Amino acid sequence: SVVTQECYVQNTAREYAKLYAAEAEPLEGFGEVPEIIPIFLIHRPANNIPYATVEEELVGEFVKYSVKDGKEVNFLRRDSEAGQKCCTFQHWVYEKTNGNLLVTDLQGVGMKLTDVGIATLAKGYKGFKGNCSFSFIEQFRALHQCNEYCEMLGLKSLRTTHQKQRKATSTKSKNLPNSSTVKKMVPKKAREPRDFISSEH
């Protein structure tokens, strides 16, 4: 079912996030590492929607840190610490899996992420097929800009020399969107309706 797939995807991404944290946390100056919160599948036989997912409720400003379609320019992805570390996490997973897998749709409150997706190449990766189109991987390769956290982890740049030369010619592209785009945040309520039950801690 869709709900089962959702749990499987998010918890698979969570395992990668734990490995990323184990590698990044000891680095001097890296600081806090984004975490993907666990999502649980519950069965309620008496309910007309028998399966639901349960996860911790994230309180605060809900932000998308990754690009869904190449058109979205999100300043918080580029300029915030959480956004940069999410981009580095994507780059790290991409390199770890030799470009076969990418964690997509990184979104959440601060460093706590949820509702993530996974894109794999057509053949899948280690028997796992993600829930996102493989074009996400191509897009990531084309749009990712390494930041200081990528450098701290020693990740290889995804830019070929050809792309570097092309990039040098388009200088003004960074200043195009006006600052008002920063304020267009997606409130948590606007996400796909889902059976949310906040877990009690």
N, C-alpha and C. Protein backbone atom coordinates (compact mmCIF):
# COMPACT_ATOMS: atom_id res chain seq x y z
N SER A 1 0.84 -1.20 0.00
CA SER A 1 0.00 0.00 0.00
C SER A 1 0.87 1.25 0.00
N VAL A 2 0.25 2.36 -0.33
CA VAL A 2 0.96 3.64 -0.37
C VAL A 2 1.54 3.99 0.99
N VAL A 3 0.74 3.74 2.02
CA VAL A 3 1.18 4.08 3.38
C VAL A 3 2.41 3.26 3.79
N THR A 4 2.39 1.98 3.43
CA THR A 4 3.52 1.11 3.77
C THR A 4 4.77 1.59 3.04
N GLN A 5 4.58 1.91 1.75
CA GLN A 5 5.69 2.40 0.92
C GLN A 5 6.28 3.68 1.53
N GLU A 6 5.39 4.55 1.99
CA GLU A 6 5.80 5.83 2.58
C GLU A 6 6.69 5.60 3.82
N CYS A 7 6.27 4.66 4.66
CA CYS A 7 7.06 4.33 5.86
C CYS A 7 8.41 3.77 5.46
N TYR A 8 8.37 2.87 4.48
CA TYR A 8 9.60 2.21 4.04
C TYR A 8 10.59 3.24 3.48
N VAL A 9 10.08 4.15 2.65
CA VAL A 9 10.94 5.17 2.05
C VAL A 9 11.54 6.07 3.12
N GLN A 10 10.68 6.61 3.99
CA GLN A 10 11.18 7.55 5.00
C GLN A 10 12.17 6.87 5.95
N ASN A 11 11.89 5.63 6.35
CA ASN A 11 12.79 4.96 7.29
C ASN A 11 14.09 4.51 6.62
N THR A 12 14.04 4.25 5.30
CA THR A 12 15.28 3.95 4.56
C THR A 12 16.14 5.22 4.51
N ALA A 13 15.51 6.34 4.20
CA ALA A 13 16.22 7.63 4.15
C ALA A 13 16.80 7.95 5.53
N ARG A 14 16.06 7.60 6.57
CA ARG A 14 16.49 7.85 7.95
C ARG A 14 17.78 7.09 8.27
N GLU A 15 17.89 5.86 7.74
CA GLU A 15 19.12 5.09 7.96
C GLU A 15 20.32 5.80 7.32
N TYR A 16 20.12 6.33 6.11
CA TYR A 16 21.20 7.09 5.45
C TYR A 16 21.55 8.33 6.27
N ALA A 17 20.52 8.99 6.80
CA ALA A 17 20.76 10.21 7.59
C ALA A 17 21.57 9.90 8.84
N LYS A 18 21.36 8.71 9.43
CA LYS A 18 22.13 8.32 10.63
C LYS A 18 23.60 8.10 10.26
N LEU A 19 23.83 7.46 9.10
CA LEU A 19 25.22 7.22 8.66
C LEU A 19 25.91 8.55 8.36
N TYR A 20 25.16 9.45 7.74
CA TYR A 20 25.67 10.79 7.41
C TYR A 20 26.06 11.52 8.70
N ALA A 21 25.18 11.44 9.69
CA ALA A 21 25.46 12.10 10.97
C ALA A 21 26.72 11.53 11.63
N ALA A 22 26.86 10.20 11.55
CA ALA A 22 28.02 9.55 12.17
C ALA A 22 29.31 10.03 11.53
N GLU A 23 29.24 10.34 10.23
CA GLU A 23 30.44 10.79 9.53
C GLU A 23 30.68 12.30 9.71
N ALA A 24 29.58 13.06 9.76
CA ALA A 24 29.70 14.52 9.80
C ALA A 24 29.91 15.09 11.20
N GLU A 25 29.23 14.52 12.20
CA GLU A 25 29.28 15.08 13.56
C GLU A 25 30.69 15.23 14.13
N PRO A 26 31.58 14.22 13.92
CA PRO A 26 32.92 14.37 14.51
C PRO A 26 33.77 15.46 13.83
N LEU A 27 33.35 15.93 12.64
CA LEU A 27 34.18 16.92 11.94
C LEU A 27 34.15 18.25 12.67
N GLU A 28 35.30 18.85 12.81
CA GLU A 28 35.39 20.12 13.53
C GLU A 28 34.62 21.21 12.78
N GLY A 29 33.72 21.88 13.50
CA GLY A 29 32.99 22.97 12.88
C GLY A 29 31.74 22.56 12.10
N PHE A 30 31.46 21.26 12.01
CA PHE A 30 30.27 20.86 11.24
C PHE A 30 28.99 21.20 12.01
N GLY A 31 28.99 20.90 13.32
CA GLY A 31 27.82 21.25 14.14
C GLY A 31 26.68 20.26 14.00
N GLU A 32 25.48 20.76 14.23
CA GLU A 32 24.28 19.91 14.24
C GLU A 32 24.02 19.33 12.84
N VAL A 33 23.53 18.09 12.81
CA VAL A 33 23.27 17.42 11.54
C VAL A 33 21.77 17.19 11.40
N PRO A 34 21.20 17.43 10.21
CA PRO A 34 19.76 17.20 10.05
C PRO A 34 19.39 15.75 10.34
N GLU A 35 18.22 15.53 10.93
CA GLU A 35 17.76 14.16 11.17
C GLU A 35 16.40 13.97 10.53
N ILE A 36 16.16 12.76 10.06
CA ILE A 36 14.85 12.42 9.50
C ILE A 36 14.10 11.70 10.59
N ILE A 37 12.94 12.22 10.95
CA ILE A 37 12.22 11.62 12.08
C ILE A 37 11.61 10.28 11.67
N PRO A 38 11.50 9.35 12.62
CA PRO A 38 10.93 8.04 12.26
C PRO A 38 9.43 8.15 11.99
N ILE A 39 8.94 7.28 11.14
CA ILE A 39 7.51 7.24 10.85
C ILE A 39 7.06 5.80 11.09
N PHE A 40 5.94 5.64 11.78
CA PHE A 40 5.48 4.30 12.15
C PHE A 40 4.15 3.98 11.48
N LEU A 41 3.98 2.72 11.16
CA LEU A 41 2.73 2.26 10.55
C LEU A 41 1.88 1.67 11.65
N ILE A 42 0.63 2.12 11.77
CA ILE A 42 -0.24 1.51 12.78
C ILE A 42 -1.46 0.92 12.09
N HIS A 43 -1.99 -0.12 12.67
CA HIS A 43 -3.16 -0.80 12.13
C HIS A 43 -4.31 -0.58 13.09
N ARG A 44 -5.43 -0.05 12.56
CA ARG A 44 -6.61 0.18 13.40
C ARG A 44 -7.79 -0.53 12.72
N PRO A 45 -7.98 -1.81 12.99
CA PRO A 45 -8.96 -2.61 12.26
C PRO A 45 -10.38 -2.03 12.28
N ALA A 46 -10.76 -1.35 13.36
CA ALA A 46 -12.13 -0.86 13.47
C ALA A 46 -12.36 0.43 12.66
N ASN A 47 -11.28 1.05 12.21
CA ASN A 47 -11.39 2.33 11.54
C ASN A 47 -11.61 2.14 10.04
N ASN A 48 -12.35 3.07 9.39
CA ASN A 48 -12.55 2.90 7.95
C ASN A 48 -11.27 3.16 7.15
N ILE A 49 -10.28 3.79 7.78
CA ILE A 49 -8.93 3.86 7.18
C ILE A 49 -8.06 3.01 8.10
N PRO A 50 -7.93 1.70 7.78
CA PRO A 50 -7.31 0.78 8.75
C PRO A 50 -5.82 1.04 9.00
N TYR A 51 -5.11 1.59 7.99
CA TYR A 51 -3.68 1.83 8.21
C TYR A 51 -3.40 3.32 8.23
N ALA A 52 -2.60 3.74 9.16
CA ALA A 52 -2.23 5.14 9.24
C ALA A 52 -0.77 5.25 9.63
N THR A 53 -0.20 6.42 9.41
CA THR A 53 1.18 6.61 9.85
C THR A 53 1.18 7.55 11.05
N VAL A 54 2.10 7.29 11.93
CA VAL A 54 2.24 8.11 13.13
C VAL A 54 3.65 8.65 13.16
N GLU A 55 3.77 9.93 13.43
CA GLU A 55 5.11 10.50 13.60
C GLU A 55 5.02 11.68 14.55
N GLU A 56 6.16 12.06 15.04
CA GLU A 56 6.24 13.21 15.95
C GLU A 56 5.71 14.44 15.23
N GLU A 57 4.97 15.27 15.92
CA GLU A 57 4.46 16.49 15.29
C GLU A 57 5.56 17.55 15.33
N LEU A 58 5.86 18.13 14.17
CA LEU A 58 6.89 19.16 14.12
C LEU A 58 6.22 20.52 14.28
N VAL A 59 6.66 21.27 15.28
CA VAL A 59 6.05 22.56 15.55
C VAL A 59 7.02 23.66 15.13
N GLY A 60 6.53 24.61 14.33
CA GLY A 60 7.38 25.70 13.87
C GLY A 60 7.18 25.92 12.38
N GLU A 61 8.09 26.66 11.81
CA GLU A 61 7.96 27.00 10.40
C GLU A 61 8.40 25.84 9.52
N PHE A 62 7.50 25.35 8.70
CA PHE A 62 7.77 24.19 7.84
C PHE A 62 8.40 24.68 6.54
N VAL A 63 9.59 24.18 6.24
CA VAL A 63 10.33 24.67 5.07
C VAL A 63 10.74 23.51 4.17
N LYS A 64 10.66 23.73 2.85
CA LYS A 64 11.16 22.73 1.89
C LYS A 64 12.59 23.10 1.56
N TYR A 65 13.51 22.15 1.76
CA TYR A 65 14.92 22.43 1.51
C TYR A 65 15.42 21.85 0.20
N SER A 66 14.56 21.17 -0.58
CA SER A 66 15.09 20.66 -1.84
C SER A 66 14.18 20.99 -3.00
N VAL A 67 14.74 20.94 -4.17
CA VAL A 67 14.05 21.36 -5.38
C VAL A 67 13.17 20.22 -5.88
N LYS A 68 11.92 20.53 -6.16
CA LYS A 68 11.00 19.53 -6.69
C LYS A 68 11.05 19.57 -8.22
N ASP A 69 11.09 20.77 -8.75
CA ASP A 69 11.20 20.91 -10.22
C ASP A 69 12.19 22.05 -10.39
N GLY A 70 13.07 22.00 -11.34
CA GLY A 70 14.17 22.95 -11.47
C GLY A 70 13.80 24.41 -11.31
N LYS A 71 12.49 24.74 -11.36
CA LYS A 71 12.09 26.16 -11.33
C LYS A 71 12.13 26.76 -9.93
N GLU A 72 12.03 25.91 -8.93
CA GLU A 72 11.91 26.43 -7.56
C GLU A 72 13.26 26.91 -7.03
N VAL A 73 13.36 28.18 -6.73
CA VAL A 73 14.60 28.67 -6.12
C VAL A 73 14.26 29.00 -4.68
N ASN A 74 14.87 28.30 -3.78
CA ASN A 74 14.53 28.48 -2.38
C ASN A 74 15.75 29.04 -1.64
N PHE A 75 15.62 30.27 -1.19
CA PHE A 75 16.76 30.91 -0.51
C PHE A 75 17.14 30.18 0.76
N LEU A 76 16.12 29.61 1.43
CA LEU A 76 16.43 28.92 2.68
C LEU A 76 17.23 27.67 2.42
N ARG A 77 17.14 27.16 1.19
CA ARG A 77 17.93 25.99 0.85
C ARG A 77 19.39 26.41 0.71
N ARG A 78 19.57 27.60 0.12
CA ARG A 78 20.93 28.03 -0.19
C ARG A 78 21.58 28.77 0.98
N ASP A 79 20.75 29.52 1.70
CA ASP A 79 21.33 30.44 2.69
C ASP A 79 21.23 29.97 4.14
N SER A 80 20.35 29.02 4.45
CA SER A 80 20.26 28.62 5.85
C SER A 80 21.20 27.45 6.10
N GLU A 81 21.60 27.31 7.35
CA GLU A 81 22.51 26.22 7.71
C GLU A 81 21.83 24.87 7.46
N ALA A 82 20.56 24.75 7.88
CA ALA A 82 19.84 23.48 7.68
C ALA A 82 19.73 23.18 6.19
N GLY A 83 19.42 24.20 5.40
CA GLY A 83 19.28 24.02 3.95
C GLY A 83 20.57 23.54 3.31
N GLN A 84 21.68 24.15 3.69
CA GLN A 84 22.97 23.76 3.12
C GLN A 84 23.33 22.33 3.54
N LYS A 85 23.06 22.00 4.80
CA LYS A 85 23.39 20.66 5.28
C LYS A 85 22.50 19.60 4.62
N CYS A 86 21.28 19.98 4.24
CA CYS A 86 20.39 19.06 3.52
C CYS A 86 20.95 18.81 2.12
N CYS A 87 21.42 19.88 1.46
CA CYS A 87 22.01 19.74 0.12
C CYS A 87 23.25 18.85 0.20
N THR A 88 24.05 19.04 1.25
CA THR A 88 25.25 18.21 1.43
C THR A 88 24.85 16.76 1.69
N PHE A 89 23.77 16.56 2.47
CA PHE A 89 23.29 15.19 2.72
C PHE A 89 22.92 14.52 1.40
N GLN A 90 22.22 15.28 0.52
CA GLN A 90 21.85 14.71 -0.78
C GLN A 90 23.10 14.33 -1.57
N HIS A 91 24.09 15.21 -1.56
CA HIS A 91 25.33 14.98 -2.30
C HIS A 91 26.05 13.75 -1.72
N TRP A 92 26.06 13.67 -0.39
CA TRP A 92 26.74 12.56 0.30
C TRP A 92 26.10 11.21 -0.07
N VAL A 93 24.75 11.15 -0.05
CA VAL A 93 24.04 9.91 -0.39
C VAL A 93 24.30 9.56 -1.86
N TYR A 94 24.25 10.59 -2.71
CA TYR A 94 24.48 10.40 -4.14
C TYR A 94 25.87 9.77 -4.37
N GLU A 95 26.88 10.30 -3.67
CA GLU A 95 28.24 9.79 -3.82
C GLU A 95 28.36 8.39 -3.21
N LYS A 96 27.78 8.19 -2.01
CA LYS A 96 27.84 6.89 -1.33
C LYS A 96 27.25 5.76 -2.17
N THR A 97 26.20 6.09 -2.95
CA THR A 97 25.50 5.06 -3.73
C THR A 97 25.94 5.11 -5.20
N ASN A 98 27.07 5.77 -5.47
CA ASN A 98 27.58 5.90 -6.84
C ASN A 98 26.56 6.47 -7.82
N GLY A 99 25.78 7.44 -7.33
CA GLY A 99 24.82 8.11 -8.21
C GLY A 99 23.57 7.30 -8.50
N ASN A 100 23.36 6.21 -7.74
CA ASN A 100 22.19 5.36 -7.98
C ASN A 100 20.96 5.77 -7.17
N LEU A 101 21.20 6.53 -6.10
CA LEU A 101 20.08 6.86 -5.21
C LEU A 101 20.22 8.29 -4.71
N LEU A 102 19.07 8.94 -4.57
CA LEU A 102 19.05 10.32 -4.07
C LEU A 102 17.88 10.48 -3.11
N VAL A 103 18.12 11.09 -1.96
CA VAL A 103 17.02 11.40 -1.04
C VAL A 103 16.47 12.74 -1.50
N THR A 104 15.16 12.81 -1.74
CA THR A 104 14.56 14.02 -2.29
C THR A 104 13.56 14.61 -1.30
N ASP A 105 12.96 15.73 -1.67
CA ASP A 105 11.89 16.34 -0.86
C ASP A 105 12.30 16.53 0.59
N LEU A 106 13.49 17.04 0.82
CA LEU A 106 13.91 17.26 2.20
C LEU A 106 13.14 18.47 2.72
N GLN A 107 12.35 18.26 3.75
CA GLN A 107 11.51 19.33 4.28
C GLN A 107 11.23 19.08 5.74
N GLY A 108 10.98 20.15 6.45
CA GLY A 108 10.69 19.98 7.86
C GLY A 108 10.84 21.28 8.61
N VAL A 109 11.05 21.17 9.90
CA VAL A 109 11.21 22.34 10.76
C VAL A 109 12.63 22.31 11.28
N GLY A 110 13.41 23.32 10.91
CA GLY A 110 14.81 23.35 11.32
C GLY A 110 15.54 22.13 10.82
N MET A 111 16.18 21.42 11.74
CA MET A 111 16.98 20.24 11.36
C MET A 111 16.17 18.94 11.41
N LYS A 112 14.88 19.04 11.74
CA LYS A 112 14.05 17.81 11.81
C LYS A 112 13.25 17.68 10.52
N LEU A 113 13.47 16.60 9.80
CA LEU A 113 12.87 16.44 8.48
C LEU A 113 11.84 15.32 8.44
N THR A 114 10.86 15.48 7.54
CA THR A 114 9.85 14.46 7.36
C THR A 114 9.35 14.48 5.92
N ASP A 115 8.49 13.52 5.57
CA ASP A 115 7.88 13.48 4.23
C ASP A 115 8.91 13.45 3.11
N VAL A 116 10.02 12.80 3.33
CA VAL A 116 11.06 12.77 2.30
C VAL A 116 10.71 11.73 1.24
N GLY A 117 11.38 11.83 0.11
CA GLY A 117 11.20 10.85 -0.96
C GLY A 117 12.55 10.26 -1.32
N ILE A 118 12.54 9.24 -2.16
CA ILE A 118 13.79 8.67 -2.65
C ILE A 118 13.66 8.41 -4.14
N ALA A 119 14.65 8.86 -4.89
CA ALA A 119 14.70 8.57 -6.32
C ALA A 119 15.84 7.59 -6.55
N THR A 120 15.61 6.59 -7.41
CA THR A 120 16.70 5.66 -7.76
C THR A 120 16.76 5.61 -9.28
N LEU A 121 17.87 5.13 -9.79
CA LEU A 121 17.95 4.90 -11.23
C LEU A 121 16.92 3.82 -11.57
N ALA A 122 16.58 3.72 -12.85
CA ALA A 122 15.50 2.82 -13.28
C ALA A 122 15.59 1.41 -12.70
N LYS A 123 16.82 0.88 -12.62
CA LYS A 123 16.97 -0.50 -12.13
C LYS A 123 16.82 -0.61 -10.61
N GLY A 124 16.70 0.54 -9.95
CA GLY A 124 16.62 0.51 -8.49
C GLY A 124 18.02 0.43 -7.90
N TYR A 125 18.09 0.29 -6.60
CA TYR A 125 19.39 0.20 -5.92
C TYR A 125 19.28 -0.82 -4.81
N LYS A 126 20.10 -1.87 -4.90
CA LYS A 126 20.10 -2.95 -3.90
C LYS A 126 18.68 -3.48 -3.67
N GLY A 127 17.96 -3.67 -4.77
CA GLY A 127 16.61 -4.22 -4.68
C GLY A 127 15.56 -3.22 -4.24
N PHE A 128 15.95 -1.98 -4.04
CA PHE A 128 15.02 -0.96 -3.55
C PHE A 128 14.70 0.02 -4.67
N LYS A 129 13.41 0.23 -4.93
CA LYS A 129 13.01 1.24 -5.91
C LYS A 129 12.36 2.38 -5.14
N GLY A 130 12.77 3.59 -5.43
CA GLY A 130 12.20 4.72 -4.69
C GLY A 130 10.80 5.06 -5.14
N ASN A 131 10.27 6.17 -4.63
CA ASN A 131 8.91 6.59 -5.00
C ASN A 131 8.94 7.88 -5.81
N CYS A 132 10.13 8.28 -6.30
CA CYS A 132 10.25 9.50 -7.09
C CYS A 132 10.88 9.19 -8.43
N SER A 133 10.58 10.02 -9.40
CA SER A 133 11.11 9.82 -10.74
C SER A 133 12.63 9.95 -10.77
N PHE A 134 13.25 9.17 -11.64
CA PHE A 134 14.71 9.18 -11.71
C PHE A 134 15.22 10.51 -12.28
N SER A 135 14.33 11.32 -12.90
CA SER A 135 14.74 12.63 -13.41
C SER A 135 15.20 13.54 -12.26
N PHE A 136 14.76 13.23 -11.03
CA PHE A 136 15.21 14.01 -9.86
C PHE A 136 16.72 13.92 -9.72
N ILE A 137 17.28 12.75 -10.05
CA ILE A 137 18.72 12.55 -9.92
C ILE A 137 19.45 13.42 -10.94
N GLU A 138 18.93 13.44 -12.17
CA GLU A 138 19.54 14.28 -13.22
C GLU A 138 19.47 15.74 -12.83
N GLN A 139 18.32 16.13 -12.30
CA GLN A 139 18.12 17.52 -11.89
C GLN A 139 19.10 17.90 -10.79
N PHE A 140 19.24 17.02 -9.82
CA PHE A 140 20.15 17.28 -8.71
C PHE A 140 21.57 17.47 -9.24
N ARG A 141 21.99 16.58 -10.14
CA ARG A 141 23.33 16.67 -10.72
C ARG A 141 23.54 18.02 -11.38
N ALA A 142 22.51 18.51 -12.08
CA ALA A 142 22.63 19.76 -12.81
C ALA A 142 22.56 20.98 -11.90
N LEU A 143 21.79 20.91 -10.81
CA LEU A 143 21.52 22.11 -10.01
C LEU A 143 22.32 22.22 -8.72
N HIS A 144 22.87 21.11 -8.25
CA HIS A 144 23.56 21.16 -6.94
C HIS A 144 24.78 22.06 -6.98
N GLN A 145 24.86 22.93 -5.98
CA GLN A 145 26.05 23.76 -5.84
C GLN A 145 26.70 23.37 -4.52
N CYS A 146 27.93 22.92 -4.59
CA CYS A 146 28.62 22.51 -3.36
C CYS A 146 28.76 23.69 -2.41
N ASN A 147 28.71 23.41 -1.12
CA ASN A 147 28.90 24.44 -0.11
C ASN A 147 30.01 23.99 0.85
N GLU A 148 30.23 24.76 1.90
CA GLU A 148 31.35 24.45 2.82
C GLU A 148 31.21 23.07 3.47
N TYR A 149 29.95 22.60 3.65
CA TYR A 149 29.77 21.30 4.30
C TYR A 149 30.15 20.16 3.36
N CYS A 150 29.90 20.36 2.05
CA CYS A 150 30.34 19.36 1.05
C CYS A 150 31.86 19.28 1.10
N GLU A 151 32.49 20.46 1.22
CA GLU A 151 33.96 20.49 1.27
C GLU A 151 34.48 19.80 2.54
N MET A 152 33.83 20.07 3.67
CA MET A 152 34.26 19.43 4.93
C MET A 152 34.24 17.91 4.82
N LEU A 153 33.24 17.39 4.10
CA LEU A 153 33.11 15.93 3.95
C LEU A 153 33.95 15.40 2.79
N GLY A 154 34.62 16.31 2.07
CA GLY A 154 35.48 15.90 0.97
C GLY A 154 34.71 15.32 -0.22
N LEU A 155 33.48 15.82 -0.45
CA LEU A 155 32.69 15.30 -1.58
C LEU A 155 33.20 15.87 -2.90
N LYS A 156 33.12 15.06 -3.93
CA LYS A 156 33.60 15.49 -5.26
C LYS A 156 32.57 16.39 -5.92
N SER A 157 33.03 17.47 -6.54
CA SER A 157 32.11 18.37 -7.23
C SER A 157 31.41 17.63 -8.37
N LEU A 158 30.13 17.96 -8.60
CA LEU A 158 29.37 17.30 -9.67
C LEU A 158 29.49 18.06 -10.98
N ARG A 159 30.18 19.20 -10.94
CA ARG A 159 30.32 20.04 -12.13
C ARG A 159 31.44 19.52 -13.02
N THR A 160 31.16 19.40 -14.30
CA THR A 160 32.25 19.06 -15.23
C THR A 160 32.88 20.38 -15.66
N THR A 161 34.05 20.33 -16.27
CA THR A 161 34.70 21.59 -16.69
C THR A 161 33.81 22.32 -17.69
N HIS A 162 33.09 21.56 -18.51
CA HIS A 162 32.20 22.16 -19.51
C HIS A 162 31.13 23.00 -18.81
N GLN A 163 30.56 22.44 -17.74
CA GLN A 163 29.52 23.18 -17.01
C GLN A 163 30.10 24.41 -16.33
N LYS A 164 31.32 24.28 -15.84
CA LYS A 164 31.96 25.42 -15.17
C LYS A 164 32.09 26.60 -16.11
N GLN A 165 32.53 26.32 -17.33
CA GLN A 165 32.71 27.40 -18.30
C GLN A 165 31.36 28.04 -18.62
N ARG A 166 30.34 27.19 -18.79
CA ARG A 166 29.02 27.72 -19.12
C ARG A 166 28.50 28.58 -17.98
N LYS A 167 28.77 28.14 -16.76
CA LYS A 167 28.28 28.85 -15.59
C LYS A 167 28.88 30.24 -15.47
N ALA A 168 30.15 30.35 -15.81
CA ALA A 168 30.86 31.62 -15.68
C ALA A 168 30.21 32.71 -16.53
N THR A 169 29.57 32.32 -17.64
CA THR A 169 29.00 33.33 -18.52
C THR A 169 27.69 33.91 -17.96
N SER A 170 26.93 33.10 -17.21
CA SER A 170 25.67 33.64 -16.67
C SER A 170 25.90 34.11 -15.24
N THR A 171 26.23 35.36 -15.08
CA THR A 171 26.59 35.85 -13.75
C THR A 171 25.40 36.30 -12.94
N LYS A 172 24.42 36.97 -13.56
CA LYS A 172 23.37 37.64 -12.78
C LYS A 172 22.28 36.70 -12.26
N SER A 173 22.29 35.44 -12.69
CA SER A 173 21.17 34.56 -12.36
C SER A 173 20.85 34.50 -10.86
N LYS A 174 21.86 34.65 -10.00
CA LYS A 174 21.63 34.52 -8.56
C LYS A 174 20.74 35.64 -8.02
N ASN A 175 20.80 36.81 -8.64
CA ASN A 175 20.08 37.94 -8.06
C ASN A 175 18.67 38.12 -8.60
N LEU A 176 18.26 37.22 -9.52
CA LEU A 176 16.95 37.41 -10.14
C LEU A 176 15.77 37.41 -9.17
N PRO A 177 15.58 36.34 -8.38
CA PRO A 177 14.36 36.35 -7.56
C PRO A 177 14.44 37.45 -6.52
N ASN A 178 13.32 38.15 -6.29
CA ASN A 178 13.41 39.23 -5.30
C ASN A 178 13.22 38.65 -3.91
N SER A 179 13.53 39.45 -2.92
CA SER A 179 13.60 38.92 -1.56
C SER A 179 12.24 38.44 -1.06
N SER A 180 11.15 38.87 -1.72
CA SER A 180 9.84 38.45 -1.22
C SER A 180 9.63 36.95 -1.35
N THR A 181 10.40 36.29 -2.24
CA THR A 181 10.21 34.84 -2.39
C THR A 181 10.57 34.11 -1.11
N VAL A 182 11.38 34.70 -0.27
CA VAL A 182 11.79 34.05 0.96
C VAL A 182 10.58 33.78 1.84
N LYS A 183 9.59 34.68 1.78
CA LYS A 183 8.47 34.58 2.72
C LYS A 183 7.42 33.57 2.29
N LYS A 184 7.52 33.06 1.05
CA LYS A 184 6.48 32.13 0.59
C LYS A 184 6.73 30.74 1.14
N MET A 185 6.41 30.55 2.40
CA MET A 185 6.65 29.26 3.02
C MET A 185 5.39 28.42 2.92
N VAL A 186 5.54 27.13 2.85
CA VAL A 186 4.35 26.28 2.80
C VAL A 186 3.99 25.93 4.23
N PRO A 187 2.83 26.38 4.69
CA PRO A 187 2.47 26.01 6.06
C PRO A 187 2.20 24.51 6.12
N LYS A 188 2.40 23.94 7.27
CA LYS A 188 2.27 22.49 7.40
C LYS A 188 0.87 22.01 6.98
N LYS A 189 -0.14 22.84 7.23
CA LYS A 189 -1.52 22.46 6.91
C LYS A 189 -1.71 22.21 5.41
N ALA A 190 -0.91 22.85 4.58
CA ALA A 190 -1.15 22.77 3.14
C ALA A 190 -0.62 21.49 2.52
N ARG A 191 0.00 20.63 3.33
CA ARG A 191 0.53 19.40 2.75
C ARG A 191 -0.59 18.42 2.46
N GLU A 192 -0.25 17.35 1.75
CA GLU A 192 -1.29 16.38 1.40
C GLU A 192 -1.96 15.92 2.68
N PRO A 193 -3.28 15.79 2.64
CA PRO A 193 -3.96 15.34 3.86
C PRO A 193 -3.47 13.95 4.20
N ARG A 194 -3.20 13.76 5.43
CA ARG A 194 -2.73 12.45 5.85
C ARG A 194 -3.22 12.22 7.25
N ASP A 195 -3.30 10.99 7.63
CA ASP A 195 -3.81 10.69 8.95
C ASP A 195 -2.74 10.94 10.00
N PHE A 196 -2.70 12.12 10.56
CA PHE A 196 -1.63 12.44 11.51
C PHE A 196 -2.07 12.22 12.92
N ILE A 197 -1.26 11.56 13.67
CA ILE A 197 -1.51 11.45 15.10
C ILE A 197 -0.17 11.79 15.70
N SER A 198 -0.13 12.79 16.51
CA SER A 198 1.21 13.13 17.03
C SER A 198 1.56 12.14 18.11
N SER A 199 2.79 11.68 18.06
CA SER A 199 3.18 10.71 19.08
C SER A 199 3.48 11.45 20.36
N GLU A 200 3.20 10.80 21.46
CA GLU A 200 3.42 11.47 22.75
C GLU A 200 4.80 11.14 23.27
N HIS A 201 5.51 12.19 23.67
CA HIS A 201 6.85 11.96 24.25
C HIS A 201 6.84 12.44 25.67
